Amino acid sequence: MALSTRPENAAADPFGFDATYAALPERFYANVQPTPVERPRLLHLNRPLAAQLGLDPEALASPAGVEVLAGNRVPESARPIAMAYAGHQFGNWVPQLGDGRAVLLGELVDRDGVRRDVQLKGSGRTPFSRMGDGRAELFPVVGEYLASEGMAGLGIPTTRALAMVLTGETVRRSDFLPGAVLTRVATSHVRVGTFEYFARAGDQDAVRTLADYVIDRHYPELRAAEKPYRALLEAVARRTAELIANWMAVGFIHGVLNTDNISVVGETLDFGPFAWMDDYHPAQCFSQVDLGGRYAYNQQPDIGQWNLCRLAETLLPLLADDPETAEAEAYAALDAYIPAFEAAYHPALRRKLGLASVQDGDVELIRGLFTRMADQGADFTLTFRRLADVSGTDASADGPVRTLFADPAAFDAWAEQWRQRLAAEGRDETQRRAQMRAVNPAYVLRKHHVYAVYDAVRAGDHGALNELLTVLRAPFDDHPDHAAWAMPPTAEERVPMTFCGT
């Protein structure tokens, strides 16, 4: 399958988009133009990402560039489309979702040779909008911009945000609120729900075409596999497992792990009712609409596997002609999920505790800390960060971490076991602390800080936005001038529930 549709006159277009997805059959998408806005104004441009994409940041920040980022002008090389997909939402089948407020402009090949989608979110109605207006309010745009930068700063695969543009218009939600457009960059916008859309309609030719496209674009090494479709399922399972393990290691809760929010390339996709935990509890759930806790923190590994089973169902006819054989092939591919999760998650926890080897009793030691954190309301991020700075032999300087526990004696009892475990390894203290600081961030995007930045931006103050981006892009550094962004919320600042933002 050819993966270049770049027009011959692309040199005259500074974007030079390809449109390989739009070259698929027309039932994969709807041709649609972004809806122009009244008074576009650039709120923030991700200049490092622009450079990585081979774009000129100054040109993007110019009036002509902002017109593109707002959807008021479509580059000559773009072929704007809204992608079709479906999905299981909270376990219930929804036969048509699609890009209801997003338009894919095209694809760029970045400086590392990776093909990336460039999409406008909040750019107006599409044929998939249903009752929606296709617009975005400023708050979720700010939230996704910050969250994707925070996730990238942590080294976790994620979509990115290239720009935020104020529209000069209001959108009607519970009130009239400022509108904005986000430019999102992703390795892929193909989801598990994309496969479901065609499989549930009985369009097996489309499923095969989509699978071939995903292999050719994202997993070209699988084309030579003996069973490429089984290999694809296994590869997606591994990447999804590794992604969720990375989330768990930093206390991240996605909030809405429907199949339409699961990328086939293992990137964090769609920041809606997300949160990085403040005080730790395994069953924390921040989504206001997730009444049963389906997508709680501790449910994410199981939900990831459930979603992959839905992907496997769509691929069964490609795995074998005989249904029983196809099912056996699917189970064999999905068997990769749990080992891949454990291979990523367990070493991550050991690194967070400064342990360099595997020893008996490690699981109990880790569980013991988590149990005490949950019982004592200890902050997830600060507990591990401050633990990195205490001595492995002397408890006299434990104050900063032990005070995170309602009863500091609970930490003391655990810390004694931890020090015994460190002594059994005999690691150099300086090396151990440096290694722990390299995996335990000082800064994550706390939800109350999203609100603080949003309020400041609405008031015309961009200082808080720039400060928070500084620490999120280098979250393992101390940033003493910006230390306030590491602090958990006060009782008044606490955000108990979050919303999708649509």
Protein backbone atom coordinates (compact mmCIF):
# COMPACT_ATOMS: atom_id res chain seq x y z
CA MET A 1 0.00 0.00 0.00
CA ALA A 2 1.45 3.37 -1.01
CA LEU A 3 1.86 5.74 1.90
CA SER A 4 2.44 9.00 0.09
CA THR A 5 -0.20 11.15 -1.52
CA ARG A 6 1.75 14.37 -1.32
CA PRO A 7 0.83 16.62 -4.25
CA GLU A 8 3.49 17.72 -6.69
CA ASN A 9 2.89 21.39 -5.86
CA ALA A 10 3.35 20.85 -2.10
CA ALA A 11 6.53 22.93 -2.15
CA ALA A 12 4.35 26.03 -2.49
CA ASP A 13 2.45 25.00 0.65
CA PRO A 14 4.46 25.40 3.89
CA PHE A 15 2.56 22.50 5.46
CA GLY A 16 2.99 20.01 2.64
CA PHE A 17 0.44 17.58 4.04
CA ASP A 18 0.08 14.00 2.93
CA ALA A 19 -3.38 12.43 3.08
CA THR A 20 -2.95 8.67 3.19
CA TYR A 21 -6.00 8.03 5.36
CA ALA A 22 -8.15 10.12 3.03
CA ALA A 23 -6.93 7.86 0.20
CA LEU A 24 -8.86 4.97 1.77
CA PRO A 25 -12.41 4.23 0.54
CA GLU A 26 -14.88 7.04 1.20
CA ARG A 27 -16.87 5.07 3.78
CA PHE A 28 -13.92 5.49 6.18
CA TYR A 29 -14.59 9.20 6.64
CA ALA A 30 -16.62 12.21 5.61
CA ASN A 31 -15.17 15.05 3.59
CA VAL A 32 -15.75 18.19 5.62
CA GLN A 33 -14.45 21.72 5.88
CA PRO A 34 -13.66 23.38 9.23
CA THR A 35 -16.16 26.08 10.14
CA PRO A 36 -14.49 29.53 10.23
CA VAL A 37 -14.51 31.48 13.49
CA GLU A 38 -15.04 35.18 14.02
CA ARG A 39 -11.86 36.51 15.63
CA PRO A 40 -9.10 33.90 15.90
CA ARG A 41 -6.29 34.75 18.27
CA LEU A 42 -3.33 32.55 19.14
CA LEU A 43 -3.34 31.61 22.81
CA HIS A 44 -0.27 29.37 22.78
CA LEU A 45 1.99 27.69 20.24
CA ASN A 46 4.05 24.61 21.02
CA ARG A 47 7.21 25.82 19.35
CA PRO A 48 9.37 22.75 20.14
CA LEU A 49 6.73 20.48 18.64
CA ALA A 50 6.39 22.72 15.59
CA ALA A 51 10.13 22.43 14.98
CA GLN A 52 9.97 18.65 15.45
CA LEU A 53 7.28 18.53 12.76
CA GLY A 54 9.49 20.50 10.40
CA LEU A 55 7.26 23.57 10.58
CA ASP A 56 8.34 27.18 11.00
CA PRO A 57 7.07 28.41 14.40
CA GLU A 58 7.16 32.02 13.26
CA ALA A 59 5.03 31.23 10.24
CA LEU A 60 2.53 29.36 12.40
CA ALA A 61 2.31 32.30 14.80
CA SER A 62 1.73 34.75 11.93
CA PRO A 63 -1.81 35.87 11.07
CA ALA A 64 -1.85 33.47 8.11
CA GLY A 65 -0.70 30.58 10.31
CA VAL A 66 -3.32 31.34 12.95
CA GLU A 67 -5.97 31.28 10.24
CA VAL A 68 -4.99 27.68 9.53
CA LEU A 69 -4.86 26.72 13.22
CA ALA A 70 -8.34 28.20 13.69
CA GLY A 71 -9.81 26.42 10.68
CA ASN A 72 -10.45 29.64 8.77
CA ARG A 73 -8.04 28.68 5.98
CA VAL A 74 -7.31 25.20 4.67
CA PRO A 75 -3.83 24.66 3.17
CA GLU A 76 -3.74 23.56 -0.45
CA SER A 77 -2.16 20.22 0.45
CA ALA A 78 -4.75 19.38 3.12
CA ARG A 79 -7.68 17.11 2.50
CA PRO A 80 -9.86 17.71 5.57
CA ILE A 81 -11.93 14.77 6.77
CA ALA A 82 -13.87 13.60 9.81
CA MET A 83 -13.03 9.99 10.59
CA ALA A 84 -15.75 7.39 11.10
CA TYR A 85 -15.68 5.12 14.13
CA ALA A 86 -17.93 3.53 16.72
CA GLY A 87 -17.28 2.13 20.17
CA HIS A 88 -18.26 0.60 23.45
CA GLN A 89 -18.94 3.43 25.90
CA PHE A 90 -19.09 2.30 29.52
CA GLY A 91 -19.55 -1.23 28.20
CA ASN A 92 -22.51 -0.33 25.97
CA TRP A 93 -22.34 -0.55 22.19
CA VAL A 94 -22.77 2.73 20.30
CA PRO A 95 -22.88 2.06 16.54
CA GLN A 96 -21.76 5.47 15.31
CA LEU A 97 -19.57 8.05 16.98
CA GLY A 98 -16.94 9.52 14.66
CA ASP A 99 -15.20 12.87 14.72
CA GLY A 100 -18.06 15.01 15.88
CA ARG A 101 -15.96 18.08 16.54
CA ALA A 102 -12.65 17.29 14.89
CA VAL A 103 -11.24 17.59 11.39
CA LEU A 104 -8.10 15.77 10.26
CA LEU A 105 -6.17 18.12 7.98
CA GLY A 106 -3.57 15.60 6.89
CA GLU A 107 -0.25 14.05 7.84
CA LEU A 108 3.32 15.25 8.22
CA VAL A 109 6.52 13.25 8.49
CA ASP A 110 8.49 14.64 11.42
CA ARG A 111 12.24 15.02 11.78
CA ASP A 112 12.51 11.46 13.12
CA GLY A 113 10.73 10.06 10.08
CA VAL A 114 7.50 9.38 11.96
CA ARG A 115 4.24 10.10 10.14
CA ARG A 116 1.96 12.24 12.34
CA ASP A 117 -1.69 13.25 11.97
CA VAL A 118 -2.57 16.93 12.38
CA GLN A 119 -6.13 17.47 13.53
CA LEU A 120 -8.24 20.45 14.56
CA LYS A 121 -10.51 19.87 17.59
CA GLY A 122 -13.42 22.21 18.12
CA SER A 123 -13.51 23.22 14.47
CA GLY A 124 -17.26 22.93 13.93
CA ARG A 125 -19.97 20.46 13.03
CA THR A 126 -19.35 17.32 10.98
CA PRO A 127 -21.74 14.60 9.80
CA PHE A 128 -20.89 12.77 13.07
CA SER A 129 -21.82 15.64 15.40
CA ARG A 130 -25.30 14.30 16.17
CA MET A 131 -26.81 16.92 18.53
CA GLY A 132 -23.49 18.64 19.20
CA ASP A 133 -22.29 21.98 17.90
CA GLY A 134 -18.82 20.72 16.97
CA ARG A 135 -17.17 23.43 19.03
CA ALA A 136 -14.89 23.27 22.06
CA GLU A 137 -14.95 25.38 25.17
CA LEU A 138 -11.67 26.82 26.40
CA PHE A 139 -11.39 24.72 29.56
CA PRO A 140 -11.02 21.26 27.91
CA VAL A 141 -8.68 22.77 25.33
CA VAL A 142 -6.41 24.13 28.07
CA GLY A 143 -6.70 20.81 29.91
CA GLU A 144 -5.67 18.69 26.92
CA TYR A 145 -2.85 21.04 25.96
CA LEU A 146 -1.36 20.84 29.45
CA ALA A 147 -2.06 17.14 29.92
CA SER A 148 -0.46 16.05 26.66
CA GLU A 149 2.64 18.12 27.44
CA GLY A 150 2.71 16.68 30.96
CA MET A 151 2.44 13.13 29.65
CA ALA A 152 5.16 13.73 27.06
CA GLY A 153 7.40 15.24 29.74
CA LEU A 154 7.05 12.02 31.72
CA GLY A 155 8.21 10.06 28.67
CA ILE A 156 4.86 8.28 28.20
CA PRO A 157 3.48 7.85 24.66
CA THR A 158 0.78 10.42 23.99
CA THR A 159 -0.89 12.60 21.46
CA ARG A 160 0.50 16.12 21.50
CA ALA A 161 -0.96 19.60 21.23
CA LEU A 162 0.51 22.01 18.70
CA ALA A 163 -1.56 25.10 19.39
CA MET A 164 -4.49 26.68 21.18
CA VAL A 165 -6.48 29.35 19.38
CA LEU A 166 -9.22 31.48 20.89
CA THR A 167 -12.14 31.80 18.50
CA GLY A 168 -13.57 35.13 19.64
CA GLU A 169 -16.90 33.33 19.95
CA THR A 170 -18.80 31.76 22.81
CA VAL A 171 -20.14 28.24 23.04
CA ARG A 172 -23.25 27.33 24.93
CA ARG A 173 -22.93 24.69 27.60
CA SER A 174 -24.46 25.25 31.03
CA ASP A 175 -23.48 28.85 30.38
CA PHE A 176 -22.00 30.86 27.54
CA LEU A 177 -18.27 30.16 27.63
CA PRO A 178 -15.23 31.19 25.56
CA GLY A 179 -14.58 29.00 22.55
CA ALA A 180 -11.23 27.63 21.41
CA VAL A 181 -9.67 25.29 18.85
CA LEU A 182 -6.92 22.79 19.69
CA THR A 183 -4.50 21.49 17.08
CA ARG A 184 -3.75 17.90 18.04
CA VAL A 185 -0.87 15.80 16.69
CA ALA A 186 -1.01 12.01 16.90
CA THR A 187 0.93 9.10 15.49
CA SER A 188 -2.49 7.73 14.64
CA HIS A 189 -6.15 8.53 15.21
CA VAL A 190 -7.19 4.95 14.39
CA ARG A 191 -8.91 3.44 17.40
CA VAL A 192 -10.27 0.09 18.47
CA GLY A 193 -13.64 1.67 17.74
CA THR A 194 -12.61 2.27 14.13
CA PHE A 195 -12.34 -1.47 13.63
CA GLU A 196 -15.62 -2.00 15.48
CA TYR A 197 -17.43 0.46 13.21
CA PHE A 198 -16.88 -1.75 10.18
CA ALA A 199 -16.94 -5.16 11.84
CA ARG A 200 -20.32 -4.57 13.50
CA ALA A 201 -21.71 -3.48 10.12
CA GLY A 202 -20.50 -6.72 8.56
CA ASP A 203 -18.08 -4.86 6.28
CA GLN A 204 -15.22 -7.33 6.42
CA ASP A 205 -13.53 -5.86 3.36
CA ALA A 206 -13.20 -2.58 5.24
CA VAL A 207 -11.80 -4.35 8.31
CA ARG A 208 -9.14 -5.98 6.15
CA THR A 209 -8.37 -2.70 4.39
CA LEU A 210 -8.04 -0.93 7.76
CA ALA A 211 -5.84 -3.69 9.19
CA ASP A 212 -3.59 -3.53 6.13
CA TYR A 213 -3.38 0.24 6.45
CA VAL A 214 -2.44 0.06 10.14
CA ILE A 215 0.21 -2.58 9.45
CA ASP A 216 1.71 -0.67 6.53
CA ARG A 217 1.77 2.66 8.33
CA HIS A 218 2.44 1.74 11.95
CA TYR A 219 3.75 -1.83 12.05
CA PRO A 220 5.52 -2.40 8.71
CA GLU A 221 7.74 -5.06 10.24
CA LEU A 222 4.64 -7.27 10.63
CA ARG A 223 4.00 -7.50 6.90
CA ALA A 224 6.59 -10.28 6.70
CA ALA A 225 5.08 -12.18 9.63
CA GLU A 226 3.65 -15.64 8.96
CA LYS A 227 0.32 -14.47 10.41
CA PRO A 228 0.32 -10.67 10.06
CA TYR A 229 -3.17 -10.05 11.49
CA ARG A 230 -2.49 -12.14 14.56
CA ALA A 231 0.84 -10.34 14.90
CA LEU A 232 -1.01 -7.02 14.67
CA LEU A 233 -3.38 -7.97 17.49
CA GLU A 234 -0.46 -9.08 19.64
CA ALA A 235 1.49 -5.89 18.92
CA VAL A 236 -1.47 -3.67 19.85
CA ALA A 237 -1.96 -5.74 23.02
CA ARG A 238 1.66 -5.26 24.04
CA ARG A 239 1.68 -1.53 23.40
CA THR A 240 -1.61 -1.03 25.24
CA ALA A 241 -0.35 -3.02 28.22
CA GLU A 242 2.87 -1.02 28.38
CA LEU A 243 0.98 2.27 28.12
CA ILE A 244 -1.39 1.46 30.98
CA ALA A 245 1.50 0.21 33.10
CA ASN A 246 3.19 3.57 32.57
CA TRP A 247 0.01 5.38 33.61
CA MET A 248 -0.26 3.32 36.78
CA ALA A 249 3.34 4.06 37.72
CA VAL A 250 2.69 7.82 37.77
CA GLY A 251 -0.80 7.75 39.30
CA PHE A 252 -2.67 8.71 36.13
CA ILE A 253 -6.37 8.02 35.67
CA HIS A 254 -7.62 8.33 32.10
CA GLY A 255 -11.24 8.48 33.18
CA VAL A 256 -13.03 7.27 30.05
CA LEU A 257 -11.37 4.17 28.58
CA ASN A 258 -14.06 3.45 26.03
CA THR A 259 -12.98 1.52 22.95
CA ASP A 260 -13.17 4.72 20.90
CA ASN A 261 -10.45 6.16 23.13
CA ILE A 262 -7.98 3.30 22.72
CA SER A 263 -5.37 4.02 20.06
CA VAL A 264 -4.01 1.15 18.01
CA VAL A 265 -0.47 2.48 18.44
CA GLY A 266 -0.41 2.63 22.24
CA GLU A 267 -0.61 6.41 22.66
CA THR A 268 -2.59 8.22 25.32
CA LEU A 269 -5.63 9.43 23.38
CA ASP A 270 -8.35 11.90 24.43
CA PHE A 271 -7.84 13.78 27.68
CA GLY A 272 -11.34 14.25 29.05
CA PRO A 273 -12.13 13.51 32.72
CA PHE A 274 -8.49 12.65 33.40
CA ALA A 275 -6.53 13.22 36.60
CA TRP A 276 -3.19 12.53 38.17
CA MET A 277 -3.99 11.41 41.71
CA ASP A 278 -3.27 13.62 44.67
CA ASP A 279 -3.80 11.41 47.75
CA TYR A 280 -3.53 7.76 46.81
CA HIS A 281 -6.41 5.33 46.78
CA PRO A 282 -6.57 2.36 44.41
CA ALA A 283 -10.26 2.84 43.58
CA GLN A 284 -10.11 6.55 42.83
CA CYS A 285 -12.41 7.60 40.01
CA PHE A 286 -12.69 11.20 38.85
CA SER A 287 -15.23 11.03 36.03
CA GLN A 288 -18.53 12.59 37.06
CA VAL A 289 -20.44 10.23 34.77
CA ASP A 290 -18.62 7.03 35.80
CA LEU A 291 -21.06 6.23 38.58
CA GLY A 292 -19.97 2.60 38.92
CA GLY A 293 -16.24 3.24 38.89
CA ARG A 294 -15.71 1.24 35.70
CA TYR A 295 -12.69 3.35 34.82
CA ALA A 296 -11.23 3.80 38.29
CA TYR A 297 -7.45 3.78 38.72
CA ASN A 298 -7.18 0.13 39.73
CA GLN A 299 -9.57 -1.00 36.98
CA GLN A 300 -7.48 0.33 34.11
CA PRO A 301 -5.37 -2.80 33.47
CA ASP A 302 -8.48 -5.02 33.28
CA ILE A 303 -10.36 -2.52 31.12
CA GLY A 304 -7.42 -2.37 28.74
CA GLN A 305 -7.67 -6.12 28.28
CA TRP A 306 -11.47 -5.94 27.86
CA ASN A 307 -11.08 -3.39 25.10
CA LEU A 308 -8.51 -5.53 23.33
CA CYS A 309 -10.99 -8.40 23.36
CA ARG A 310 -13.33 -6.15 21.38
CA LEU A 311 -10.54 -5.54 18.88
CA ALA A 312 -9.90 -9.27 18.66
CA GLU A 313 -13.57 -9.88 17.82
CA THR A 314 -13.30 -7.59 14.81
CA LEU A 315 -10.24 -9.45 13.49
CA LEU A 316 -11.54 -13.02 13.88
CA PRO A 317 -12.40 -13.52 10.18
CA LEU A 318 -8.88 -12.40 9.29
CA LEU A 319 -7.24 -14.82 11.72
CA ALA A 320 -8.64 -18.03 10.25
CA ASP A 321 -11.53 -19.29 8.13
CA ASP A 322 -12.60 -21.76 10.80
CA PRO A 323 -14.27 -19.89 13.74
CA GLU A 324 -12.78 -22.12 16.43
CA THR A 325 -9.30 -21.78 14.98
CA ALA A 326 -9.74 -18.01 14.69
CA GLU A 327 -10.79 -17.79 18.33
CA ALA A 328 -7.77 -19.83 19.41
CA GLU A 329 -5.51 -17.51 17.41
CA ALA A 330 -7.09 -14.47 19.07
CA TYR A 331 -6.62 -15.88 22.56
CA ALA A 332 -3.01 -16.74 21.76
CA ALA A 333 -2.36 -13.15 20.63
CA LEU A 334 -4.10 -11.66 23.67
CA ASP A 335 -1.99 -13.85 25.95
CA ALA A 336 0.73 -11.27 25.38
CA TYR A 337 -1.16 -8.61 27.35
CA ILE A 338 -0.66 -9.63 30.98
CA PRO A 339 3.04 -10.53 30.66
CA ALA A 340 3.67 -7.25 28.82
CA PHE A 341 1.88 -5.30 31.55
CA GLU A 342 3.77 -7.04 34.34
CA ALA A 343 7.09 -6.69 32.51
CA ALA A 344 6.57 -2.92 32.42
CA TYR A 345 4.77 -2.29 35.73
CA HIS A 346 6.71 -4.39 38.23
CA PRO A 347 10.16 -3.06 37.25
CA ALA A 348 8.73 0.46 37.27
CA LEU A 349 7.63 0.03 40.88
CA ARG A 350 11.02 -1.36 41.87
CA ARG A 351 12.73 1.62 40.26
CA LYS A 352 10.40 3.98 42.11
CA LEU A 353 11.59 2.41 45.38
CA GLY A 354 15.26 2.45 44.36
CA LEU A 355 15.53 -1.33 44.04
CA ALA A 356 17.92 -2.57 41.38
CA SER A 357 17.29 -6.32 41.62
CA VAL A 358 14.44 -8.75 42.13
CA GLN A 359 14.27 -10.34 45.57
CA ASP A 360 11.75 -12.34 47.57
CA GLY A 361 9.44 -10.09 49.53
CA ASP A 362 9.48 -7.22 47.04
CA VAL A 363 5.79 -7.57 46.22
CA GLU A 364 4.86 -7.46 49.89
CA LEU A 365 7.11 -4.44 50.43
CA ILE A 366 5.46 -2.54 47.57
CA ARG A 367 1.95 -3.51 48.64
CA GLY A 368 2.76 -2.45 52.17
CA LEU A 369 3.61 1.06 51.06
CA PHE A 370 0.51 1.39 48.91
CA THR A 371 -1.71 0.13 51.74
CA ARG A 372 -0.27 2.70 54.14
CA MET A 373 -0.57 5.47 51.56
CA ALA A 374 -4.24 4.64 51.03
CA ASP A 375 -5.00 4.35 54.74
CA GLN A 376 -3.14 7.53 55.62
CA GLY A 377 -4.12 9.75 52.68
CA ALA A 378 -0.55 10.18 51.45
CA ASP A 379 0.02 12.08 48.22
CA PHE A 380 1.05 9.71 45.42
CA THR A 381 3.57 11.89 43.61
CA LEU A 382 5.16 13.54 46.65
CA THR A 383 5.53 10.27 48.58
CA PHE A 384 7.76 8.75 45.93
CA ARG A 385 9.60 11.99 45.14
CA ARG A 386 10.45 12.68 48.78
CA LEU A 387 11.37 9.06 49.37
CA ALA A 388 14.09 9.55 46.78
CA ASP A 389 15.73 12.16 48.99
CA VAL A 390 15.83 10.30 52.32
CA SER A 391 18.74 8.29 53.55
CA GLY A 392 18.84 4.57 53.10
CA THR A 393 20.49 4.16 56.49
CA ASP A 394 19.40 7.07 58.69
CA ALA A 395 15.77 7.95 59.55
CA SER A 396 16.58 11.34 61.06
CA ALA A 397 15.76 13.22 57.83
CA ASP A 398 12.50 11.42 57.04
CA GLY A 399 10.38 14.41 58.06
CA PRO A 400 9.29 15.65 54.61
CA VAL A 401 7.95 12.27 53.51
CA ARG A 402 6.57 10.98 56.81
CA THR A 403 4.44 14.10 57.29
CA LEU A 404 2.50 13.16 54.17
CA PHE A 405 0.94 10.33 56.24
CA ALA A 406 -1.88 11.16 58.66
CA ASP A 407 -0.09 8.98 61.20
CA PRO A 408 3.65 9.28 60.46
CA ALA A 409 4.30 6.16 62.50
CA ALA A 410 2.71 4.16 59.67
CA PHE A 411 5.48 5.32 57.37
CA ASP A 412 8.14 4.68 60.00
CA ALA A 413 7.21 1.02 60.28
CA TRP A 414 7.35 0.55 56.52
CA ALA A 415 10.55 2.57 56.10
CA GLU A 416 12.39 0.23 58.46
CA GLN A 417 11.57 -2.70 56.15
CA TRP A 418 12.56 -0.64 53.10
CA ARG A 419 15.96 0.21 54.58
CA GLN A 420 16.60 -3.42 55.36
CA ARG A 421 15.83 -4.23 51.73
CA LEU A 422 18.21 -1.49 50.51
CA ALA A 423 20.92 -2.81 52.80
CA ALA A 424 20.57 -6.24 51.23
CA GLU A 425 21.49 -4.71 47.88
CA GLY A 426 24.30 -2.51 49.11
CA ARG A 427 23.84 0.12 46.39
CA ASP A 428 25.72 3.39 46.40
CA GLU A 429 23.45 5.99 48.06
CA THR A 430 24.16 8.74 45.57
CA GLN A 431 23.45 6.47 42.65
CA ARG A 432 20.25 5.15 44.24
CA ARG A 433 18.88 8.65 44.92
CA ALA A 434 19.70 9.87 41.43
CA GLN A 435 18.00 6.87 39.88
CA MET A 436 14.89 7.40 42.01
CA ARG A 437 14.70 11.08 41.14
CA ALA A 438 14.92 10.16 37.46
CA VAL A 439 11.72 8.07 37.64
CA ASN A 440 9.74 9.84 40.37
CA PRO A 441 8.54 13.21 39.06
CA ALA A 442 8.33 16.26 41.25
CA TYR A 443 5.60 17.65 39.01
CA VAL A 444 2.47 16.19 37.45
CA LEU A 445 -0.56 18.03 36.15
CA ARG A 446 -2.78 18.35 39.18
CA LYS A 447 -6.39 19.12 38.36
CA HIS A 448 -6.66 22.21 40.54
CA HIS A 449 -3.77 23.69 38.60
CA VAL A 450 -5.72 23.27 35.35
CA TYR A 451 -8.46 25.40 36.89
CA ALA A 452 -5.93 27.97 38.11
CA VAL A 453 -4.40 28.31 34.64
CA TYR A 454 -7.82 28.45 33.00
CA ASP A 455 -8.95 31.26 35.29
CA ALA A 456 -5.73 33.17 34.65
CA VAL A 457 -5.99 32.78 30.88
CA ARG A 458 -9.59 33.98 30.91
CA ALA A 459 -8.38 37.05 32.78
CA GLY A 460 -5.71 37.66 30.13
CA ASP A 461 -2.76 36.45 32.23
CA HIS A 462 -0.56 33.86 30.49
CA GLY A 463 2.14 33.75 33.14
CA ALA A 464 0.68 30.76 34.99
CA LEU A 465 0.31 28.84 31.73
CA ASN A 466 3.95 29.39 30.81
CA GLU A 467 5.19 28.51 34.31
CA LEU A 468 3.22 25.29 34.45
CA LEU A 469 4.39 24.25 30.99
CA THR A 470 7.98 24.84 32.10
CA VAL A 471 7.75 22.32 34.94
CA LEU A 472 5.61 19.80 33.04
CA ARG A 473 8.15 19.62 30.23
CA ALA A 474 10.93 18.81 32.73
CA PRO A 475 9.02 17.15 35.58
CA PHE A 476 12.00 15.36 37.13
CA ASP A 477 13.89 18.60 37.81
CA ASP A 478 13.36 20.64 40.98
CA HIS A 479 12.52 24.10 39.53
CA PRO A 480 12.88 25.91 42.88
CA ASP A 481 11.41 29.11 41.41
CA HIS A 482 8.23 27.23 40.51
CA ALA A 483 7.95 24.88 43.50
CA ALA A 484 4.32 25.85 44.14
CA TRP A 485 3.29 23.81 41.09
CA ALA A 486 4.39 20.64 42.91
CA MET A 487 1.96 21.18 45.77
CA PRO A 488 -1.23 19.16 46.22
CA PRO A 489 -4.52 21.04 46.61
CA THR A 490 -5.76 22.53 49.82
CA ALA A 491 -9.17 21.43 51.03
CA GLU A 492 -10.71 24.38 49.19
CA GLU A 493 -8.83 23.65 45.96
CA ARG A 494 -9.60 19.94 45.78
CA VAL A 495 -11.35 18.78 42.59
CA PRO A 496 -13.35 15.63 43.47
CA MET A 497 -14.95 15.12 40.05
CA THR A 498 -14.02 15.96 36.48
CA PHE A 499 -16.02 16.22 33.28
CA CYS A 500 -15.52 15.13 29.69
CA GLY A 501 -15.50 18.71 28.44
CA THR A 502 -17.74 18.13 25.45
